[in-house]
Structure formats: structure tokens, C-alpha cells
């Protein structure tokens, strides 16, 4: 699946994996932080990974990149800041696609 299309429980699952946890997909709803909707959980990753956040020009949504990469190939977009940031984090660990 394309990282740029991840959202909800699937995105939270891959964020947890990229963050060093190995949850079962069934455990995501109850045991994994909801990184894509919980700012407290996500901000730790955003700060640690030094993600750069910017609103999209002429569109609703956000673009996020690692500070070391700029807004190049590792950047990800999303309808919310947290979704874009967590997609960027997952892509930085696994590339543009993850196995379902």
C-alpha cells in the first residue's frame, strides 16, 4: 500500500512499527497510540525526527518533510498536519510503500 494513502488505524499501525513497536494489526485500536489523531503522541515523533511542516499552497492540507531532506522526495502530504507528519515518518523508515 502507498504510504501517501495510509490513514486511520492502518497509519497508526505503521507509525508504531516505525517507532520500534511490533503490534498485531488487531491490537492497533486498543493498544497503540492514535498517532494520526493524538497530538501528544505525535509531537514526540515530530520533534525527535525534526519534521518540517508547512501548509499546502492553494489547497487544504499540509506537507511535511524531514529537515535534513527539505521538501523533496521524502515529503508527504495529508488533509491534517498529524496525518501528513505520520506519513512522512513512516516513509522515512519504509519508503513509498508498505506491505499490507
C-alpha atoms as a PDB file:
ATOM      1  CA  UNK A   1       0.000   0.000   0.000  1.00  0.00           C
ATOM      2  CA  UNK A   2       1.226   3.500  -0.739  1.00  0.00           C
ATOM      3  CA  UNK A   3       2.252   5.418   2.371  1.00  0.00           C
ATOM      4  CA  UNK A   4       0.625   8.501   0.852  1.00  0.00           C
ATOM      5  CA  UNK A   5      -2.752   6.725   1.151  1.00  0.00           C
ATOM      6  CA  UNK A   6      -2.411   5.462   4.744  1.00  0.00           C
ATOM      7  CA  UNK A   7      -4.801   6.852   7.335  1.00  0.00           C
ATOM      8  CA  UNK A   8      -6.657   5.815  10.479  1.00  0.00           C
ATOM      9  CA  UNK A   9      -5.751   2.525  12.157  1.00  0.00           C
ATOM     10  CA  UNK A  10      -3.501   1.432   9.274  1.00  0.00           C
ATOM     11  CA  UNK A  11      -1.415   4.604   9.559  1.00  0.00           C
ATOM     12  CA  UNK A  12      -1.235   4.283  13.352  1.00  0.00           C
ATOM     13  CA  UNK A  13      -0.078   0.657  12.956  1.00  0.00           C
ATOM     14  CA  UNK A  14       2.765   1.619  10.602  1.00  0.00           C
ATOM     15  CA  UNK A  15       3.783   4.546  12.821  1.00  0.00           C
ATOM     16  CA  UNK A  16       4.005   2.148  15.765  1.00  0.00           C
ATOM     17  CA  UNK A  17       6.148  -0.242  13.694  1.00  0.00           C
ATOM     18  CA  UNK A  18       8.416   2.587  12.521  1.00  0.00           C
ATOM     19  CA  UNK A  19       8.669   3.697  16.144  1.00  0.00           C
ATOM     20  CA  UNK A  20      10.081   0.315  17.208  1.00  0.00           C
ATOM     21  CA  UNK A  21       6.912  -1.426  18.337  1.00  0.00           C
ATOM     22  CA  UNK A  22       5.627  -4.639  16.784  1.00  0.00           C
ATOM     23  CA  UNK A  23       1.852  -4.645  17.323  1.00  0.00           C
ATOM     24  CA  UNK A  24      -0.531  -7.030  15.686  1.00  0.00           C
ATOM     25  CA  UNK A  25      -2.889  -5.167  13.365  1.00  0.00           C
ATOM     26  CA  UNK A  26      -5.804  -6.258  15.596  1.00  0.00           C
ATOM     27  CA  UNK A  27      -4.173  -4.542  18.583  1.00  0.00           C
ATOM     28  CA  UNK A  28      -3.949  -1.125  16.950  1.00  0.00           C
ATOM     29  CA  UNK A  29      -7.318   0.126  18.107  1.00  0.00           C
ATOM     30  CA  UNK A  30      -6.795  -0.774  21.753  1.00  0.00           C
ATOM     31  CA  UNK A  31      -3.052  -0.800  22.394  1.00  0.00           C
ATOM     32  CA  UNK A  32      -1.340   1.618  20.020  1.00  0.00           C
ATOM     33  CA  UNK A  33      -1.331   5.373  20.417  1.00  0.00           C
ATOM     34  CA  UNK A  34      -3.515   7.052  17.839  1.00  0.00           C
ATOM     35  CA  UNK A  35      -0.607   8.984  16.351  1.00  0.00           C
ATOM     36  CA  UNK A  36      -2.620  10.294  13.405  1.00  0.00           C
ATOM     37  CA  UNK A  37      -5.185  11.982  15.668  1.00  0.00           C
ATOM     38  CA  UNK A  38      -3.415  12.414  19.039  1.00  0.00           C
ATOM     39  CA  UNK A  39      -1.120  15.443  19.052  1.00  0.00           C
ATOM     40  CA  UNK A  40       0.503  14.434  22.350  1.00  0.00           C
ATOM     41  CA  UNK A  41       1.670  11.122  20.884  1.00  0.00           C
ATOM     42  CA  UNK A  42       2.620  12.586  17.505  1.00  0.00           C
ATOM     43  CA  UNK A  43       4.551  15.625  18.723  1.00  0.00           C
ATOM     44  CA  UNK A  44       7.228  13.423  20.282  1.00  0.00           C
ATOM     45  CA  UNK A  45       7.915  11.929  16.865  1.00  0.00           C
ATOM     46  CA  UNK A  46       7.664  15.287  15.086  1.00  0.00           C
ATOM     47  CA  UNK A  47      10.244  16.812  17.446  1.00  0.00           C
ATOM     48  CA  UNK A  48      12.584  13.813  17.564  1.00  0.00           C
ATOM     49  CA  UNK A  49      12.574  13.392  13.783  1.00  0.00           C
ATOM     50  CA  UNK A  50      12.837  17.168  13.258  1.00  0.00           C
ATOM     51  CA  UNK A  51       9.976  17.214  10.782  1.00  0.00           C
ATOM     52  CA  UNK A  52       9.355  20.429   8.869  1.00  0.00           C
ATOM     53  CA  UNK A  53       5.680  21.347   8.483  1.00  0.00           C
ATOM     54  CA  UNK A  54       4.091  23.731   6.004  1.00  0.00           C
ATOM     55  CA  UNK A  55       0.561  24.350   4.721  1.00  0.00           C
ATOM     56  CA  UNK A  56      -0.031  23.413   1.102  1.00  0.00           C
ATOM     57  CA  UNK A  57      -0.306  26.357  -1.268  1.00  0.00           C
ATOM     58  CA  UNK A  58      -3.720  26.780  -2.901  1.00  0.00           C
ATOM     59  CA  UNK A  59      -5.056  23.599  -1.275  1.00  0.00           C
ATOM     60  CA  UNK A  60      -6.379  22.379   2.013  1.00  0.00           C
ATOM     61  CA  UNK A  61      -3.864  20.214   3.761  1.00  0.00           C
ATOM     62  CA  UNK A  62      -0.261  20.031   4.845  1.00  0.00           C
ATOM     63  CA  UNK A  63       3.135  18.961   3.545  1.00  0.00           C
ATOM     64  CA  UNK A  64       5.772  17.557   5.867  1.00  0.00           C
ATOM     65  CA  UNK A  65       9.423  16.670   5.284  1.00  0.00           C
ATOM     66  CA  UNK A  66      12.473  15.780   7.329  1.00  0.00           C
ATOM     67  CA  UNK A  67      14.596  18.826   7.999  1.00  0.00           C
ATOM     68  CA  UNK A  68      17.603  17.004   6.519  1.00  0.00           C
ATOM     69  CA  UNK A  69      15.777  16.350   3.229  1.00  0.00           C
ATOM     70  CA  UNK A  70      13.826  19.554   2.705  1.00  0.00           C
ATOM     71  CA  UNK A  71      10.615  19.336   0.708  1.00  0.00           C
ATOM     72  CA  UNK A  72      11.998  16.796  -1.741  1.00  0.00           C
ATOM     73  CA  UNK A  73      11.347  13.134  -2.340  1.00  0.00           C
ATOM     74  CA  UNK A  74      10.727  12.242   1.320  1.00  0.00           C
ATOM     75  CA  UNK A  75       7.926  14.730   1.825  1.00  0.00           C
ATOM     76  CA  UNK A  76       4.345  13.601   2.373  1.00  0.00           C
ATOM     77  CA  UNK A  77       1.037  15.417   2.286  1.00  0.00           C
ATOM     78  CA  UNK A  78      -2.195  14.914   4.173  1.00  0.00           C
ATOM     79  CA  UNK A  79      -5.512  16.535   4.974  1.00  0.00           C
ATOM     80  CA  UNK A  80      -4.356  17.203   8.537  1.00  0.00           C
ATOM     81  CA  UNK A  81      -0.988  18.116   9.964  1.00  0.00           C
ATOM     82  CA  UNK A  82      -0.776  14.902  12.004  1.00  0.00           C
ATOM     83  CA  UNK A  83      -1.649  12.622   9.095  1.00  0.00           C
ATOM     84  CA  UNK A  84       0.937  14.305   6.865  1.00  0.00           C
ATOM     85  CA  UNK A  85       3.595  14.142   9.604  1.00  0.00           C
ATOM     86  CA  UNK A  86       2.980  10.493  10.410  1.00  0.00           C
ATOM     87  CA  UNK A  87       3.012   9.558   6.714  1.00  0.00           C
ATOM     88  CA  UNK A  88       6.352  11.338   6.410  1.00  0.00           C
ATOM     89  CA  UNK A  89       7.729   9.439   9.398  1.00  0.00           C
ATOM     90  CA  UNK A  90       6.610   6.069   8.006  1.00  0.00           C
ATOM     91  CA  UNK A  91       8.026   6.890   4.558  1.00  0.00           C
ATOM     92  CA  UNK A  92      11.356   7.837   6.117  1.00  0.00           C
ATOM     93  CA  UNK A  93      11.614   4.318   7.572  1.00  0.00           C
ATOM     94  CA  UNK A  94       9.993   2.163   4.874  1.00  0.00           C
ATOM     95  CA  UNK A  95       9.971   4.142   1.638  1.00  0.00           C
ATOM     96  CA  UNK A  96       6.992   5.000  -0.531  1.00  0.00           C
ATOM     97  CA  UNK A  97       5.129   1.716   0.017  1.00  0.00           C
ATOM     98  CA  UNK A  98       4.483  -0.725   2.874  1.00  0.00           C
ATOM     99  CA  UNK A  99       3.320  -4.335   2.718  1.00  0.00           C
ATOM    100  CA  UNK A 100      -0.294  -4.821   3.736  1.00  0.00           C
END
